[in-house]
Amino acid sequence: MSTAGEDVSRETTKPVIGVRRLKEPMPSPIKTRIFTVANQKGGVGKTTSAVNIAAALAMGGLKVLVIDLDPQGNACTALGVDRDGEGMYEVFVEDAPLASIVHKVAGFPSLECAPANQELAGAEISMVNMVARESILKLALGDYLKEREARGDRLDYIIIDCPPSLGLLTVNALTAAEEVLVPIQCEYYSLEGISLLVSTLGKIQRALNPLVHISTILLTMFDSRTRLANDVANDVRAHFPRELIDIPIPRAVRISEAPSFRQTVMTYDASSPGAVAYMQVAREIALRGSTPHGSNETGAITA
């Protein structure tokens, strides 16, 4: 396990993007797996985890779509995707087909992004009076997946990055997905965040999507030198032994630097401790989903 302090370089020369396909490809899932990356607490590494896991899965030879539902658009920044023009606002408010706004991510042959354009910040207000407003994304995704499968181009993973709130955008994400990935920062308040999320998830299961469950928990910003980080990690291991992928993501400078160059850490510095950890996490996710009903066997938290 990597410890904090190993990745302290502050080199700021922009590296050249070079995506390397892994020598050992990751296994494909039985069907398209749709993950919502959520935690009601902000600053726990949701976007960082979403884009780096997506990039790692794509480097493993899998077809991945990132949907950026955070109006701040940080996932777009990390993936180098332009936020100008049409984006998820048009999907939610103007009934635009998802296919019309999806962008290829430069350098990745099998990674795509549906961007959060500038107008998305006002989408929730525009959606208030819409019929079935909680299911707009689910319906759009259903049409998009059917279209791709019809031409023999099935996606392996869809990763939805949510804002740190429980508004209509997050509710849409939880209604559209079967699996929830929860990044937990190794600090006390993050444990409170997952308690709130479990409560919210119970309401979503009862009213909108009985299949959604927490399948994956990830420890982020881990500093093994502190007692608090180790205590939080041990608490998560005790309470969520089946859902936890016990590969802590270290608190590392390279992970923080990468978005300023419009990159994920997977291309910014693929040999850094953070990139290595995210690659290991992505492979574990792929392995868990490669057997029949694999995602359910990891343990499903329901409320």
Protein backbone atom coordinates (compact mmCIF):
# COMPACT_ATOMS: atom_id res chain seq x y z
CA MET A 1 0.00 0.00 0.00
CA SER A 2 1.31 3.39 -0.95
CA THR A 3 1.79 5.90 1.79
CA ALA A 4 1.35 9.63 1.65
CA GLY A 5 4.56 11.48 1.13
CA GLU A 6 5.75 9.24 -1.68
CA ASP A 7 4.31 11.55 -4.34
CA VAL A 8 5.54 15.01 -3.46
CA SER A 9 7.01 16.22 -6.74
CA ARG A 10 5.87 19.72 -7.68
CA GLU A 11 7.14 19.56 -11.25
CA THR A 12 4.80 21.72 -13.33
CA THR A 13 6.10 21.11 -16.86
CA LYS A 14 3.13 19.90 -18.85
CA PRO A 15 3.63 16.23 -19.76
CA VAL A 16 2.64 14.82 -23.12
CA ILE A 17 -0.57 12.80 -23.11
CA GLY A 18 0.23 9.22 -23.95
CA VAL A 19 -2.43 6.59 -23.31
CA ARG A 20 -1.03 3.11 -22.92
CA ARG A 21 -3.23 0.07 -23.43
CA LEU A 22 -2.52 -2.48 -20.72
CA LYS A 23 -0.75 -5.69 -21.73
CA GLU A 24 -3.36 -7.63 -19.75
CA PRO A 25 -6.83 -6.33 -20.74
CA MET A 26 -9.53 -6.02 -18.13
CA PRO A 27 -12.49 -8.43 -18.41
CA SER A 28 -15.73 -7.14 -19.92
CA PRO A 29 -18.90 -7.18 -17.82
CA ILE A 30 -21.86 -9.38 -18.68
CA LYS A 31 -23.90 -6.26 -19.47
CA THR A 32 -23.34 -2.51 -19.37
CA ARG A 33 -22.66 -1.50 -15.76
CA ILE A 34 -23.98 1.93 -14.79
CA PHE A 35 -22.30 3.53 -11.78
CA THR A 36 -23.38 6.69 -10.01
CA VAL A 37 -20.50 8.22 -8.06
CA ALA A 38 -22.10 9.94 -5.11
CA ASN A 39 -21.53 11.24 -1.61
CA GLN A 40 -23.53 14.09 -0.09
CA LYS A 41 -20.36 15.49 1.44
CA GLY A 42 -18.31 17.60 -0.95
CA GLY A 43 -14.56 17.38 -1.38
CA VAL A 44 -14.27 13.62 -0.88
CA GLY A 45 -12.85 12.83 -4.32
CA LYS A 46 -16.01 12.03 -6.31
CA THR A 47 -14.94 13.62 -9.57
CA THR A 48 -11.31 12.59 -9.16
CA SER A 49 -12.36 8.99 -8.62
CA ALA A 50 -14.91 9.04 -11.44
CA VAL A 51 -12.52 10.28 -14.13
CA ASN A 52 -9.50 8.26 -13.06
CA ILE A 53 -11.40 5.01 -12.74
CA ALA A 54 -13.02 5.68 -16.12
CA ALA A 55 -9.63 6.38 -17.70
CA ALA A 56 -8.13 3.25 -16.13
CA LEU A 57 -10.98 1.06 -17.38
CA ALA A 58 -10.55 2.52 -20.87
CA MET A 59 -6.81 1.81 -20.72
CA GLY A 60 -7.83 -1.77 -19.88
CA GLY A 61 -9.56 -2.03 -23.24
CA LEU A 62 -13.12 -1.37 -22.07
CA LYS A 63 -15.64 1.05 -23.60
CA VAL A 64 -16.51 3.74 -21.08
CA LEU A 65 -18.80 6.79 -21.02
CA VAL A 66 -18.48 9.47 -18.34
CA ILE A 67 -21.59 11.59 -17.77
CA ASP A 68 -20.79 14.86 -16.02
CA LEU A 69 -23.80 16.00 -14.00
CA ASP A 70 -21.94 18.47 -11.82
CA PRO A 71 -22.58 22.02 -13.10
CA GLN A 72 -19.00 22.89 -12.10
CA GLY A 73 -17.87 20.63 -14.94
CA ASN A 74 -14.71 19.37 -13.24
CA ALA A 75 -14.94 15.97 -14.93
CA CYS A 76 -14.89 17.73 -18.31
CA THR A 77 -11.78 19.65 -17.23
CA ALA A 78 -9.92 16.50 -16.21
CA LEU A 79 -10.86 14.77 -19.46
CA GLY A 80 -10.01 17.77 -21.63
CA VAL A 81 -13.57 18.04 -22.98
CA ASP A 82 -14.93 21.40 -24.12
CA ARG A 83 -17.95 22.66 -22.12
CA ASP A 84 -19.06 25.18 -24.73
CA GLY A 85 -21.99 24.22 -26.92
CA GLU A 86 -24.64 21.60 -26.20
CA GLY A 87 -24.38 19.31 -23.20
CA MET A 88 -26.43 17.65 -20.48
CA TYR A 89 -28.65 20.72 -20.13
CA GLU A 90 -30.10 20.04 -23.57
CA VAL A 91 -30.68 16.38 -22.66
CA PHE A 92 -32.61 17.29 -19.51
CA VAL A 93 -34.49 20.38 -20.62
CA GLU A 94 -34.78 20.21 -24.42
CA ASP A 95 -35.09 16.43 -24.87
CA ALA A 96 -31.94 16.24 -26.98
CA PRO A 97 -30.72 12.68 -27.63
CA LEU A 98 -27.68 11.75 -25.56
CA ALA A 99 -25.82 10.68 -28.71
CA SER A 100 -25.90 14.26 -30.00
CA ILE A 101 -23.78 15.66 -27.15
CA VAL A 102 -21.27 12.86 -26.47
CA HIS A 103 -17.60 13.70 -27.12
CA LYS A 104 -14.64 11.43 -27.68
CA VAL A 105 -11.88 11.99 -25.12
CA ALA A 106 -8.60 12.86 -26.85
CA GLY A 107 -6.00 10.13 -26.73
CA PHE A 108 -8.41 7.42 -25.54
CA PRO A 109 -9.84 5.20 -28.29
CA SER A 110 -12.67 3.91 -26.07
CA LEU A 111 -13.44 6.73 -23.61
CA GLU A 112 -16.25 9.26 -24.15
CA CYS A 113 -17.82 12.07 -22.15
CA ALA A 114 -21.25 13.70 -22.01
CA PRO A 115 -20.32 17.20 -20.79
CA ALA A 116 -21.89 19.42 -18.16
CA ASN A 117 -22.21 22.62 -20.14
CA GLN A 118 -22.54 26.06 -18.57
CA GLU A 119 -26.35 26.06 -18.69
CA LEU A 120 -26.65 22.91 -16.54
CA ALA A 121 -26.58 25.06 -13.41
CA GLY A 122 -30.13 26.18 -14.23
CA ALA A 123 -31.47 22.78 -15.26
CA GLU A 124 -33.09 21.86 -11.94
CA ILE A 125 -35.25 24.99 -11.97
CA SER A 126 -36.37 24.25 -15.54
CA MET A 127 -37.18 20.63 -14.63
CA VAL A 128 -39.47 21.36 -11.68
CA ASN A 129 -42.72 21.18 -13.64
CA MET A 130 -41.71 18.40 -16.02
CA VAL A 131 -43.53 15.05 -16.10
CA ALA A 132 -41.39 12.16 -14.76
CA ARG A 133 -38.59 14.63 -14.07
CA GLU A 134 -36.72 12.09 -11.91
CA SER A 135 -36.42 9.64 -14.83
CA ILE A 136 -35.23 11.88 -17.65
CA LEU A 137 -31.67 10.53 -17.58
CA LYS A 138 -32.85 6.91 -17.30
CA LEU A 139 -34.99 7.27 -20.42
CA ALA A 140 -32.23 9.07 -22.35
CA LEU A 141 -29.70 6.40 -21.40
CA GLY A 142 -32.08 3.63 -22.38
CA ASP A 143 -32.49 5.05 -25.88
CA TYR A 144 -28.75 5.64 -26.20
CA LEU A 145 -27.80 2.11 -25.15
CA LYS A 146 -30.33 0.55 -27.52
CA GLU A 147 -28.94 2.63 -30.37
CA ARG A 148 -25.36 1.55 -29.65
CA GLU A 149 -26.22 -2.09 -29.18
CA ALA A 150 -28.12 -2.08 -32.48
CA ARG A 151 -24.92 -1.19 -34.28
CA GLY A 152 -22.82 -3.67 -32.27
CA ASP A 153 -21.06 -1.03 -30.19
CA ARG A 154 -22.04 -1.88 -26.62
CA LEU A 155 -20.67 0.19 -23.76
CA ASP A 156 -19.03 -1.68 -20.90
CA TYR A 157 -19.27 1.06 -18.25
CA ILE A 158 -21.18 4.28 -17.71
CA ILE A 159 -19.88 6.41 -14.86
CA ILE A 160 -22.08 9.30 -13.70
CA ASP A 161 -20.39 12.07 -11.73
CA CYS A 162 -22.83 13.87 -9.42
CA PRO A 163 -22.86 17.23 -7.68
CA PRO A 164 -22.47 17.17 -3.87
CA SER A 165 -26.19 17.63 -3.25
CA LEU A 166 -29.48 15.75 -3.40
CA GLY A 167 -31.19 17.81 -6.06
CA LEU A 168 -32.92 16.56 -9.20
CA LEU A 169 -29.64 15.90 -11.01
CA THR A 170 -28.44 13.47 -8.34
CA VAL A 171 -31.89 11.87 -8.08
CA ASN A 172 -31.81 11.33 -11.85
CA ALA A 173 -28.40 9.69 -11.56
CA LEU A 174 -29.57 7.33 -8.80
CA THR A 175 -32.71 6.48 -10.78
CA ALA A 176 -30.69 5.66 -13.90
CA ALA A 177 -28.03 3.46 -12.26
CA GLU A 178 -27.99 0.05 -10.63
CA GLU A 179 -24.73 0.59 -8.76
CA VAL A 180 -23.47 3.38 -6.55
CA LEU A 181 -19.78 4.00 -5.95
CA VAL A 182 -19.12 5.97 -2.77
CA PRO A 183 -15.74 7.65 -2.25
CA ILE A 184 -15.06 8.15 1.45
CA GLN A 185 -12.39 10.61 2.49
CA CYS A 186 -10.51 9.26 5.48
CA GLU A 187 -11.96 11.82 7.86
CA TYR A 188 -14.82 11.60 10.35
CA TYR A 189 -17.39 13.73 8.50
CA SER A 190 -17.26 11.41 5.49
CA LEU A 191 -18.78 8.64 7.59
CA GLU A 192 -21.72 10.92 8.34
CA GLY A 193 -22.06 11.55 4.60
CA ILE A 194 -22.52 7.86 3.81
CA SER A 195 -25.21 7.56 6.50
CA LEU A 196 -27.19 10.32 4.80
CA LEU A 197 -26.66 8.70 1.41
CA VAL A 198 -27.97 5.33 2.63
CA SER A 199 -31.09 7.05 3.94
CA THR A 200 -31.65 8.84 0.64
CA LEU A 201 -31.00 5.66 -1.30
CA GLY A 202 -33.78 3.94 0.62
CA LYS A 203 -36.25 6.54 -0.60
CA ILE A 204 -35.04 6.16 -4.19
CA GLN A 205 -35.38 2.37 -3.94
CA ARG A 206 -38.94 2.57 -2.66
CA ALA A 207 -40.20 5.20 -5.07
CA LEU A 208 -38.11 5.16 -8.24
CA ASN A 209 -35.50 2.44 -8.65
CA PRO A 210 -35.62 -0.76 -6.56
CA LEU A 211 -32.44 -2.08 -8.20
CA VAL A 212 -30.04 0.69 -7.16
CA HIS A 213 -27.61 -0.25 -4.39
CA ILE A 214 -24.21 0.66 -3.02
CA SER A 215 -21.89 -1.89 -4.59
CA THR A 216 -18.52 -0.18 -4.20
CA ILE A 217 -16.86 1.91 -1.50
CA LEU A 218 -13.48 3.55 -1.99
CA LEU A 219 -11.13 5.16 0.56
CA THR A 220 -9.68 8.43 -0.74
CA MET A 221 -7.07 10.97 0.40
CA PHE A 222 -5.53 8.35 2.66
CA ASP A 223 -2.55 9.32 4.76
CA SER A 224 -1.28 6.28 6.62
CA ARG A 225 0.79 8.47 8.94
CA THR A 226 -2.28 9.81 10.73
CA ARG A 227 -4.24 7.93 13.36
CA LEU A 228 -7.54 9.41 12.16
CA ALA A 229 -7.12 8.07 8.63
CA ASN A 230 -6.37 4.60 9.93
CA ASP A 231 -9.29 4.71 12.38
CA VAL A 232 -11.73 5.75 9.63
CA ALA A 233 -10.36 3.06 7.32
CA ASN A 234 -10.80 0.43 10.02
CA ASP A 235 -14.38 1.58 10.67
CA VAL A 236 -15.23 1.29 6.98
CA ARG A 237 -13.62 -2.16 6.81
CA ALA A 238 -15.69 -3.28 9.79
CA HIS A 239 -19.03 -1.93 8.54
CA PHE A 240 -18.72 -2.51 4.77
CA PRO A 241 -16.40 -5.49 4.28
CA ARG A 242 -18.01 -6.68 1.04
CA GLU A 243 -18.53 -3.32 -0.61
CA LEU A 244 -15.10 -1.88 0.20
CA ILE A 245 -12.31 -2.11 -2.35
CA ASP A 246 -9.49 -2.08 0.16
CA ILE A 247 -6.97 -0.23 -1.99
CA PRO A 248 -6.74 3.23 -0.38
CA ILE A 249 -6.07 6.14 -2.72
CA PRO A 250 -3.18 8.12 -1.22
CA ARG A 251 -3.24 11.86 -0.68
CA ALA A 252 -0.89 12.74 -3.53
CA VAL A 253 0.27 15.88 -5.30
CA ARG A 254 0.16 14.32 -8.77
CA ILE A 255 -3.56 13.56 -8.44
CA SER A 256 -4.24 17.20 -7.56
CA GLU A 257 -1.97 18.59 -10.29
CA ALA A 258 -3.37 16.58 -13.20
CA PRO A 259 -6.65 18.52 -13.77
CA SER A 260 -4.74 21.80 -14.13
CA PHE A 261 -3.29 20.27 -17.32
CA ARG A 262 -6.73 18.96 -18.40
CA GLN A 263 -5.67 15.41 -17.72
CA THR A 264 -6.37 12.52 -15.40
CA VAL A 265 -3.49 11.27 -13.29
CA MET A 266 -3.54 8.13 -15.47
CA THR A 267 -1.97 10.11 -18.33
CA TYR A 268 -0.32 12.88 -16.32
CA ASP A 269 1.91 10.48 -14.38
CA ALA A 270 0.95 6.84 -14.84
CA SER A 271 3.70 5.60 -12.53
CA SER A 272 2.75 7.79 -9.57
CA PRO A 273 1.28 6.15 -6.44
CA GLY A 274 -2.14 7.69 -7.09
CA ALA A 275 -2.31 6.40 -10.66
CA VAL A 276 -1.16 2.94 -9.61
CA ALA A 277 -3.83 2.82 -6.90
CA TYR A 278 -6.61 3.91 -9.26
CA MET A 279 -5.50 1.33 -11.82
CA GLN A 280 -5.69 -1.39 -9.16
CA VAL A 281 -9.15 -0.19 -8.10
CA ALA A 282 -10.38 -0.19 -11.72
CA ARG A 283 -9.12 -3.73 -12.26
CA GLU A 284 -10.87 -4.91 -9.09
CA ILE A 285 -14.12 -3.29 -10.27
CA ALA A 286 -13.75 -5.03 -13.62
CA LEU A 287 -13.05 -8.38 -11.98
CA ARG A 288 -16.07 -8.08 -9.70
CA GLY A 289 -18.32 -7.43 -12.69
CA SER A 290 -16.96 -10.12 -14.99
CA THR A 291 -18.86 -13.09 -13.54
CA PRO A 292 -22.62 -13.67 -13.70
CA HIS A 293 -24.30 -11.46 -11.09
CA GLY A 294 -20.82 -10.41 -10.00
CA SER A 295 -21.82 -6.92 -8.95
CA ASN A 296 -24.49 -8.27 -6.62
CA GLU A 297 -22.12 -10.76 -5.06
CA THR A 298 -19.94 -7.95 -3.80
CA GLY A 299 -22.71 -7.05 -1.36
CA ALA A 300 -25.52 -4.63 -1.91
CA ILE A 301 -26.33 -2.04 0.70
CA THR A 302 -30.05 -1.46 0.68
CA ALA A 303 -32.10 0.66 3.01
